[in-house]
Amino acid sequence: MSRKFDRAGEAGLQFYGKMTASMSHELKNVLAIIKENAGLLNDFTCMAEEGGMPVDLEKVKRVTEKIAKQTRRADGIVTRLNRFGHSIDESSKSVDLWDLLEFVVALSGRFASMRGVTLERKPPASRVTVTTVPFFLENLVWLCLDFAMGVAGTGKTVGLIVEETKNGARIKFTHLEDLAKVPPDTFPAQRAKVLLGALNSELAVDVEAQEIVLTLPESIGG
C-alpha cells in the first residue's frame, strides 16, 4: 500500500502545480481589476481637489461595487486555495462525494471556461460518502474531467452525476459526444492508472453511452 501511495503522491505533483498556478493567475486578474478601479477612484478625487469638479456619486458607487465584487471573488479563490492545500495533509477519511466533486469543479472552472465547456451537475437525492484519500481522489476526478472536456464534442457539455452503489459509489461523466473518436487506450493514461490503483477504484469507458464511469469502493481498504 505504501508504494502505491508513494506513486500516487508523485502523480499529484503535476496536479498541484497546475491548480495552484491557475488559482494564482485568477487572483492576479482580480487584483488587476481592483487596481484599475482604485485608480478611477483616485482620478475622481484628484478632479474634485484640483479642478473643483463635483464628484459623481453614482460613478463612485458603481466603482466601489465593482471593487466589492472582486474582493468577494478573491476571497473565494483564497478559500479554495486554502482547502486545496490542506487536502494534501489528509489521509484516508470519509468524504461527501458530491461536495468533493463540486470542489474539483470549482478548481476547474477556469479551464472549462477557456474551453467553452459547460459542466452540468446533477446532485444525488441523498448524501453519498466514501472513505478515501481526498487529494488522490481530487486528482483522479480532475484527470477524468480534463479528458471528458476534451471529448465533449460540439455540444460543449459534460454531465456530472454521483450515484450510490451496493459497494460504494460512482461518478459518471456524460454527454461525451467525441468519445468514439479517440483510440481505446487513450484513457486512462498512466497517472490515472496509478491513482486508480491507490484508491482501489475502477474506470469504465462506455463509447456507446458516451460516458466514463469512475467506480469507488465504500472504503479504500475495501
C-alpha atoms as a PDB file:
ATOM      1  CA  MET A   1       0.000   0.000   0.000  1.00  0.00           C
ATOM      2  CA  SER A   2       2.848   2.381   0.863  1.00  0.00           C
ATOM      3  CA  ARG A   3       4.398   2.011  -2.590  1.00  0.00           C
ATOM      4  CA  LYS A   4       1.011   2.675  -4.203  1.00  0.00           C
ATOM      5  CA  PHE A   5       0.647   5.841  -2.145  1.00  0.00           C
ATOM      6  CA  ASP A   6       4.177   6.983  -2.997  1.00  0.00           C
ATOM      7  CA  ARG A   7       3.459   6.665  -6.712  1.00  0.00           C
ATOM      8  CA  ALA A   8       0.107   8.403  -6.334  1.00  0.00           C
ATOM      9  CA  GLY A   9       1.825  11.219  -4.443  1.00  0.00           C
ATOM     10  CA  GLU A  10       4.311  11.643  -7.272  1.00  0.00           C
ATOM     11  CA  ALA A  11       1.409  11.734  -9.739  1.00  0.00           C
ATOM     12  CA  GLY A  12      -0.157  14.529  -7.682  1.00  0.00           C
ATOM     13  CA  LEU A  13       2.714  16.982  -8.140  1.00  0.00           C
ATOM     14  CA  GLN A  14       1.620  17.995 -11.640  1.00  0.00           C
ATOM     15  CA  PHE A  15      -1.985  18.327 -10.477  1.00  0.00           C
ATOM     16  CA  TYR A  16      -0.999  20.508  -7.529  1.00  0.00           C
ATOM     17  CA  GLY A  17       1.187  22.708  -9.703  1.00  0.00           C
ATOM     18  CA  LYS A  18      -1.481  23.110 -12.375  1.00  0.00           C
ATOM     19  CA  MET A  19      -4.224  24.063  -9.942  1.00  0.00           C
ATOM     20  CA  THR A  20      -2.161  26.453  -7.814  1.00  0.00           C
ATOM     21  CA  ALA A  21      -0.860  28.159 -10.960  1.00  0.00           C
ATOM     22  CA  SER A  22      -4.423  28.534 -12.244  1.00  0.00           C
ATOM     23  CA  MET A  23      -5.689  29.987  -8.973  1.00  0.00           C
ATOM     24  CA  SER A  24      -2.751  32.392  -8.670  1.00  0.00           C
ATOM     25  CA  HIS A  25      -3.351  33.532 -12.267  1.00  0.00           C
ATOM     26  CA  GLU A  26      -7.019  34.127 -11.490  1.00  0.00           C
ATOM     27  CA  LEU A  27      -6.107  36.001  -8.312  1.00  0.00           C
ATOM     28  CA  LYS A  28      -3.681  38.174 -10.264  1.00  0.00           C
ATOM     29  CA  ASN A  29      -6.503  39.079 -12.673  1.00  0.00           C
ATOM     30  CA  VAL A  30      -8.716  40.031  -9.737  1.00  0.00           C
ATOM     31  CA  LEU A  31      -6.014  42.272  -8.275  1.00  0.00           C
ATOM     32  CA  ALA A  32      -5.544  43.950 -11.662  1.00  0.00           C
ATOM     33  CA  ILE A  33      -9.263  44.786 -11.812  1.00  0.00           C
ATOM     34  CA  ILE A  34      -9.213  46.129  -8.249  1.00  0.00           C
ATOM     35  CA  LYS A  35      -6.140  48.232  -9.050  1.00  0.00           C
ATOM     36  CA  GLU A  36      -7.815  49.651 -12.160  1.00  0.00           C
ATOM     37  CA  ASN A  37     -10.945  50.634 -10.248  1.00  0.00           C
ATOM     38  CA  ALA A  38      -8.951  52.041  -7.341  1.00  0.00           C
ATOM     39  CA  GLY A  39      -7.211  54.209  -9.932  1.00  0.00           C
ATOM     40  CA  LEU A  40     -10.577  55.510 -11.108  1.00  0.00           C
ATOM     41  CA  LEU A  41     -11.489  56.486  -7.548  1.00  0.00           C
ATOM     42  CA  ASN A  42      -8.192  58.311  -7.277  1.00  0.00           C
ATOM     43  CA  ASP A  43      -8.932  60.137 -10.550  1.00  0.00           C
ATOM     44  CA  PHE A  44     -12.321  61.247  -9.223  1.00  0.00           C
ATOM     45  CA  THR A  45     -10.654  62.558  -6.061  1.00  0.00           C
ATOM     46  CA  CYS A  46      -7.963  64.442  -7.993  1.00  0.00           C
ATOM     47  CA  MET A  47     -10.522  66.054 -10.310  1.00  0.00           C
ATOM     48  CA  ALA A  48     -12.509  67.223  -7.296  1.00  0.00           C
ATOM     49  CA  GLU A  49      -9.458  68.532  -5.420  1.00  0.00           C
ATOM     50  CA  GLU A  50      -7.585  70.133  -8.301  1.00  0.00           C
ATOM     51  CA  GLY A  51     -10.297  71.091 -10.751  1.00  0.00           C
ATOM     52  CA  GLY A  52     -13.179  71.782  -8.465  1.00  0.00           C
ATOM     53  CA  MET A  53     -15.256  69.240 -10.357  1.00  0.00           C
ATOM     54  CA  PRO A  54     -18.060  67.811  -8.212  1.00  0.00           C
ATOM     55  CA  VAL A  55     -17.820  64.099  -7.511  1.00  0.00           C
ATOM     56  CA  ASP A  56     -20.355  61.989  -9.410  1.00  0.00           C
ATOM     57  CA  LEU A  57     -21.640  59.810  -6.589  1.00  0.00           C
ATOM     58  CA  GLU A  58     -23.287  57.340  -8.974  1.00  0.00           C
ATOM     59  CA  LYS A  59     -19.961  56.713 -10.698  1.00  0.00           C
ATOM     60  CA  VAL A  60     -18.242  56.302  -7.346  1.00  0.00           C
ATOM     61  CA  LYS A  61     -20.921  53.849  -6.264  1.00  0.00           C
ATOM     62  CA  ARG A  62     -20.506  51.760  -9.426  1.00  0.00           C
ATOM     63  CA  VAL A  63     -16.739  51.627  -8.991  1.00  0.00           C
ATOM     64  CA  THR A  64     -16.938  50.658  -5.311  1.00  0.00           C
ATOM     65  CA  GLU A  65     -19.452  47.923  -6.180  1.00  0.00           C
ATOM     66  CA  LYS A  66     -17.002  46.527  -8.734  1.00  0.00           C
ATOM     67  CA  ILE A  67     -14.239  46.534  -6.133  1.00  0.00           C
ATOM     68  CA  ALA A  68     -16.501  44.796  -3.609  1.00  0.00           C
ATOM     69  CA  LYS A  69     -17.434  42.152  -6.198  1.00  0.00           C
ATOM     70  CA  GLN A  70     -13.803  41.421  -6.996  1.00  0.00           C
ATOM     71  CA  THR A  71     -12.951  41.317  -3.283  1.00  0.00           C
ATOM     72  CA  ARG A  72     -15.583  38.598  -2.803  1.00  0.00           C
ATOM     73  CA  ARG A  73     -14.181  36.783  -5.810  1.00  0.00           C
ATOM     74  CA  ALA A  74     -10.670  36.953  -4.354  1.00  0.00           C
ATOM     75  CA  ASP A  75     -11.933  35.642  -1.031  1.00  0.00           C
ATOM     76  CA  GLY A  76     -13.461  32.649  -2.821  1.00  0.00           C
ATOM     77  CA  ILE A  77     -10.199  31.910  -4.630  1.00  0.00           C
ATOM     78  CA  VAL A  78      -8.163  32.092  -1.423  1.00  0.00           C
ATOM     79  CA  THR A  79     -10.692  29.869   0.369  1.00  0.00           C
ATOM     80  CA  ARG A  80     -10.393  27.242  -2.381  1.00  0.00           C
ATOM     81  CA  LEU A  81      -6.615  27.512  -2.337  1.00  0.00           C
ATOM     82  CA  ASN A  82      -6.577  27.024   1.427  1.00  0.00           C
ATOM     83  CA  ARG A  83      -8.832  23.960   1.252  1.00  0.00           C
ATOM     84  CA  PHE A  84      -6.811  22.529  -1.613  1.00  0.00           C
ATOM     85  CA  GLY A  85      -3.555  22.980   0.278  1.00  0.00           C
ATOM     86  CA  HIS A  86      -4.906  21.284   3.395  1.00  0.00           C
ATOM     87  CA  SER A  87      -6.272  18.334   1.403  1.00  0.00           C
ATOM     88  CA  ILE A  88      -2.684  17.206   0.816  1.00  0.00           C
ATOM     89  CA  ASP A  89      -2.248  16.654   4.560  1.00  0.00           C
ATOM     90  CA  GLU A  90      -5.339  14.477   4.888  1.00  0.00           C
ATOM     91  CA  SER A  91      -5.015  10.705   4.941  1.00  0.00           C
ATOM     92  CA  SER A  92      -7.886   8.289   4.439  1.00  0.00           C
ATOM     93  CA  LYS A  93     -11.162   9.802   5.671  1.00  0.00           C
ATOM     94  CA  SER A  94     -14.894   9.790   4.997  1.00  0.00           C
ATOM     95  CA  VAL A  95     -15.843  12.368   2.372  1.00  0.00           C
ATOM     96  CA  ASP A  96     -19.077  13.616   0.873  1.00  0.00           C
ATOM     97  CA  LEU A  97     -18.573  12.640  -2.756  1.00  0.00           C
ATOM     98  CA  TRP A  98     -20.803  15.368  -4.161  1.00  0.00           C
ATOM     99  CA  ASP A  99     -19.028  18.020  -2.097  1.00  0.00           C
ATOM    100  CA  LEU A 100     -15.656  16.775  -3.358  1.00  0.00           C
ATOM    101  CA  LEU A 101     -16.894  16.771  -6.950  1.00  0.00           C
ATOM    102  CA  GLU A 102     -18.232  20.314  -6.598  1.00  0.00           C
ATOM    103  CA  PHE A 103     -14.874  21.385  -5.198  1.00  0.00           C
ATOM    104  CA  VAL A 104     -12.990  19.938  -8.176  1.00  0.00           C
ATOM    105  CA  VAL A 105     -15.495  21.637 -10.496  1.00  0.00           C
ATOM    106  CA  ALA A 106     -14.727  24.947  -8.755  1.00  0.00           C
ATOM    107  CA  LEU A 107     -10.993  24.331  -9.193  1.00  0.00           C
ATOM    108  CA  SER A 108     -11.590  23.508 -12.860  1.00  0.00           C
ATOM    109  CA  GLY A 109     -13.847  26.454 -13.643  1.00  0.00           C
ATOM    110  CA  ARG A 110     -11.183  28.492 -15.428  1.00  0.00           C
ATOM    111  CA  PHE A 111     -10.170  25.534 -17.612  1.00  0.00           C
ATOM    112  CA  ALA A 112     -13.793  24.799 -18.522  1.00  0.00           C
ATOM    113  CA  SER A 113     -14.344  28.455 -19.401  1.00  0.00           C
ATOM    114  CA  MET A 114     -11.251  28.534 -21.622  1.00  0.00           C
ATOM    115  CA  ARG A 115     -12.586  25.505 -23.499  1.00  0.00           C
ATOM    116  CA  GLY A 116     -16.112  26.861 -23.677  1.00  0.00           C
ATOM    117  CA  VAL A 117     -17.441  23.770 -21.893  1.00  0.00           C
ATOM    118  CA  THR A 118     -20.419  23.783 -19.531  1.00  0.00           C
ATOM    119  CA  LEU A 119     -20.235  21.435 -16.541  1.00  0.00           C
ATOM    120  CA  GLU A 120     -23.796  20.254 -15.955  1.00  0.00           C
ATOM    121  CA  ARG A 121     -24.200  18.842 -12.453  1.00  0.00           C
ATOM    122  CA  LYS A 122     -26.966  16.597 -11.143  1.00  0.00           C
ATOM    123  CA  PRO A 123     -26.751  16.236  -7.349  1.00  0.00           C
ATOM    124  CA  PRO A 124     -27.750  12.943  -5.711  1.00  0.00           C
ATOM    125  CA  ALA A 125     -31.063  12.669  -3.876  1.00  0.00           C
ATOM    126  CA  SER A 126     -29.226  11.897  -0.634  1.00  0.00           C
ATOM    127  CA  ARG A 127     -25.709  12.227   0.746  1.00  0.00           C
ATOM    128  CA  VAL A 128     -23.180   9.782  -0.748  1.00  0.00           C
ATOM    129  CA  THR A 129     -19.993   9.141   1.227  1.00  0.00           C
ATOM    130  CA  VAL A 130     -16.876   7.047   0.719  1.00  0.00           C
ATOM    131  CA  THR A 131     -13.746   6.592   2.801  1.00  0.00           C
ATOM    132  CA  THR A 132     -10.810   7.594   0.635  1.00  0.00           C
ATOM    133  CA  VAL A 133      -7.753   9.847   0.343  1.00  0.00           C
ATOM    134  CA  PRO A 134      -9.217  13.258  -0.645  1.00  0.00           C
ATOM    135  CA  PHE A 135      -6.206  14.645  -2.527  1.00  0.00           C
ATOM    136  CA  PHE A 136      -5.749  11.481  -4.588  1.00  0.00           C
ATOM    137  CA  LEU A 137      -9.448  11.409  -5.447  1.00  0.00           C
ATOM    138  CA  GLU A 138      -9.456  15.113  -6.344  1.00  0.00           C
ATOM    139  CA  ASN A 139      -6.556  14.396  -8.692  1.00  0.00           C
ATOM    140  CA  LEU A 140      -8.303  11.407 -10.255  1.00  0.00           C
ATOM    141  CA  VAL A 141     -11.578  13.289 -10.709  1.00  0.00           C
ATOM    142  CA  TRP A 142      -9.652  16.140 -12.358  1.00  0.00           C
ATOM    143  CA  LEU A 143      -7.969  13.751 -14.802  1.00  0.00           C
ATOM    144  CA  CYS A 144     -11.365  12.290 -15.709  1.00  0.00           C
ATOM    145  CA  LEU A 145     -12.891  15.748 -16.058  1.00  0.00           C
ATOM    146  CA  ASP A 146      -9.988  17.060 -18.125  1.00  0.00           C
ATOM    147  CA  PHE A 147     -10.305  14.134 -20.525  1.00  0.00           C
ATOM    148  CA  ALA A 148     -14.101  14.461 -20.608  1.00  0.00           C
ATOM    149  CA  MET A 149     -13.931  18.144 -21.539  1.00  0.00           C
ATOM    150  CA  GLY A 150     -11.620  17.231 -24.405  1.00  0.00           C
ATOM    151  CA  VAL A 151     -14.177  14.830 -25.898  1.00  0.00           C
ATOM    152  CA  ALA A 152     -17.322  16.856 -25.177  1.00  0.00           C
ATOM    153  CA  GLY A 153     -17.822  17.451 -28.899  1.00  0.00           C
ATOM    154  CA  THR A 154     -19.997  20.153 -30.413  1.00  0.00           C
ATOM    155  CA  GLY A 155     -22.424  20.036 -27.501  1.00  0.00           C
ATOM    156  CA  LYS A 156     -19.691  21.518 -25.290  1.00  0.00           C
ATOM    157  CA  THR A 157     -21.315  20.000 -22.204  1.00  0.00           C
ATOM    158  CA  VAL A 158     -20.089  17.458 -19.669  1.00  0.00           C
ATOM    159  CA  GLY A 159     -22.700  15.944 -17.381  1.00  0.00           C
ATOM    160  CA  LEU A 160     -21.635  15.041 -13.837  1.00  0.00           C
ATOM    161  CA  ILE A 161     -23.621  12.527 -11.801  1.00  0.00           C
ATOM    162  CA  VAL A 162     -22.912  10.984  -8.388  1.00  0.00           C
ATOM    163  CA  GLU A 163     -24.655   7.721  -7.527  1.00  0.00           C
ATOM    164  CA  GLU A 164     -24.529   5.349  -4.582  1.00  0.00           C
ATOM    165  CA  THR A 165     -23.813   1.705  -5.413  1.00  0.00           C
ATOM    166  CA  LYS A 166     -24.117  -1.521  -3.434  1.00  0.00           C
ATOM    167  CA  ASN A 167     -20.424  -1.495  -2.517  1.00  0.00           C
ATOM    168  CA  GLY A 168     -19.603   2.197  -2.667  1.00  0.00           C
ATOM    169  CA  ALA A 169     -20.321   4.925  -5.192  1.00  0.00           C
ATOM    170  CA  ARG A 170     -19.663   6.087  -8.727  1.00  0.00           C
ATOM    171  CA  ILE A 171     -19.207   9.303 -10.643  1.00  0.00           C
ATOM    172  CA  LYS A 172     -20.454   9.482 -14.224  1.00  0.00           C
ATOM    173  CA  PHE A 173     -19.053  11.894 -16.806  1.00  0.00           C
ATOM    174  CA  THR A 174     -21.685  12.023 -19.543  1.00  0.00           C
ATOM    175  CA  HIS A 175     -22.563  13.670 -22.902  1.00  0.00           C
ATOM    176  CA  LEU A 176     -19.111  12.855 -24.313  1.00  0.00           C
ATOM    177  CA  GLU A 177     -20.009  13.132 -27.984  1.00  0.00           C
ATOM    178  CA  ASP A 178     -16.481  12.607 -29.325  1.00  0.00           C
ATOM    179  CA  LEU A 179     -15.578   9.667 -27.081  1.00  0.00           C
ATOM    180  CA  ALA A 180     -15.658   7.255 -30.024  1.00  0.00           C
ATOM    181  CA  LYS A 181     -13.135   9.384 -31.928  1.00  0.00           C
ATOM    182  CA  VAL A 182     -10.210   8.707 -29.579  1.00  0.00           C
ATOM    183  CA  PRO A 183      -8.191   5.448 -29.549  1.00  0.00           C
ATOM    184  CA  PRO A 184      -9.398   2.961 -26.887  1.00  0.00           C
ATOM    185  CA  ASP A 185      -6.102   3.046 -24.983  1.00  0.00           C
ATOM    186  CA  THR A 186      -6.027   6.860 -24.692  1.00  0.00           C
ATOM    187  CA  PHE A 187      -7.679   6.954 -21.287  1.00  0.00           C
ATOM    188  CA  PRO A 188      -6.957   6.156 -18.547  1.00  0.00           C
ATOM    189  CA  ALA A 189      -3.320   7.122 -19.052  1.00  0.00           C
ATOM    190  CA  GLN A 190      -0.521   6.185 -16.652  1.00  0.00           C
ATOM    191  CA  ARG A 191      -1.163   8.839 -13.991  1.00  0.00           C
ATOM    192  CA  ALA A 192      -4.833   7.905 -13.791  1.00  0.00           C
ATOM    193  CA  LYS A 193      -3.947   4.217 -13.577  1.00  0.00           C
ATOM    194  CA  VAL A 194      -1.623   4.886 -10.646  1.00  0.00           C
ATOM    195  CA  LEU A 195      -4.386   6.742  -8.798  1.00  0.00           C
ATOM    196  CA  LEU A 196      -6.968   4.085  -9.615  1.00  0.00           C
ATOM    197  CA  GLY A 197      -4.672   1.505  -8.060  1.00  0.00           C
ATOM    198  CA  ALA A 198      -4.017   3.584  -4.950  1.00  0.00           C
ATOM    199  CA  LEU A 199      -7.747   4.141  -4.421  1.00  0.00           C
ATOM    200  CA  ASN A 200      -8.820   0.569  -5.262  1.00  0.00           C
ATOM    201  CA  SER A 201     -11.095   2.085  -7.887  1.00  0.00           C
ATOM    202  CA  GLU A 202     -12.187   1.176 -11.402  1.00  0.00           C
ATOM    203  CA  LEU A 203     -12.792   3.204 -14.541  1.00  0.00           C
ATOM    204  CA  ALA A 204     -15.053   2.163 -17.394  1.00  0.00           C
ATOM    205  CA  VAL A 205     -15.173   3.902 -20.773  1.00  0.00           C
ATOM    206  CA  ASP A 206     -18.564   3.330 -22.429  1.00  0.00           C
ATOM    207  CA  VAL A 207     -18.371   4.569 -26.009  1.00  0.00           C
ATOM    208  CA  GLU A 208     -21.957   3.632 -26.826  1.00  0.00           C
ATOM    209  CA  ALA A 209     -23.365   5.503 -23.825  1.00  0.00           C
ATOM    210  CA  GLN A 210     -20.886   8.364 -24.423  1.00  0.00           C
ATOM    211  CA  GLU A 211     -19.732   8.327 -20.819  1.00  0.00           C
ATOM    212  CA  ILE A 212     -16.926   7.329 -18.499  1.00  0.00           C
ATOM    213  CA  VAL A 213     -17.740   5.894 -15.090  1.00  0.00           C
ATOM    214  CA  LEU A 214     -15.461   6.079 -12.059  1.00  0.00           C
ATOM    215  CA  THR A 215     -16.420   3.427  -9.501  1.00  0.00           C
ATOM    216  CA  LEU A 216     -15.195   3.819  -5.923  1.00  0.00           C
ATOM    217  CA  PRO A 217     -15.256   1.360  -3.026  1.00  0.00           C
ATOM    218  CA  GLU A 218     -17.124   2.252   0.145  1.00  0.00           C
ATOM    219  CA  SER A 219     -13.741   2.272   1.852  1.00  0.00           C
ATOM    220  CA  ILE A 220     -10.260   2.490   0.374  1.00  0.00           C
ATOM    221  CA  GLY A 221      -9.433  -0.664   2.292  1.00  0.00           C
ATOM    222  CA  GLY A 222     -12.499  -2.464   0.973  1.00  0.00           C
END
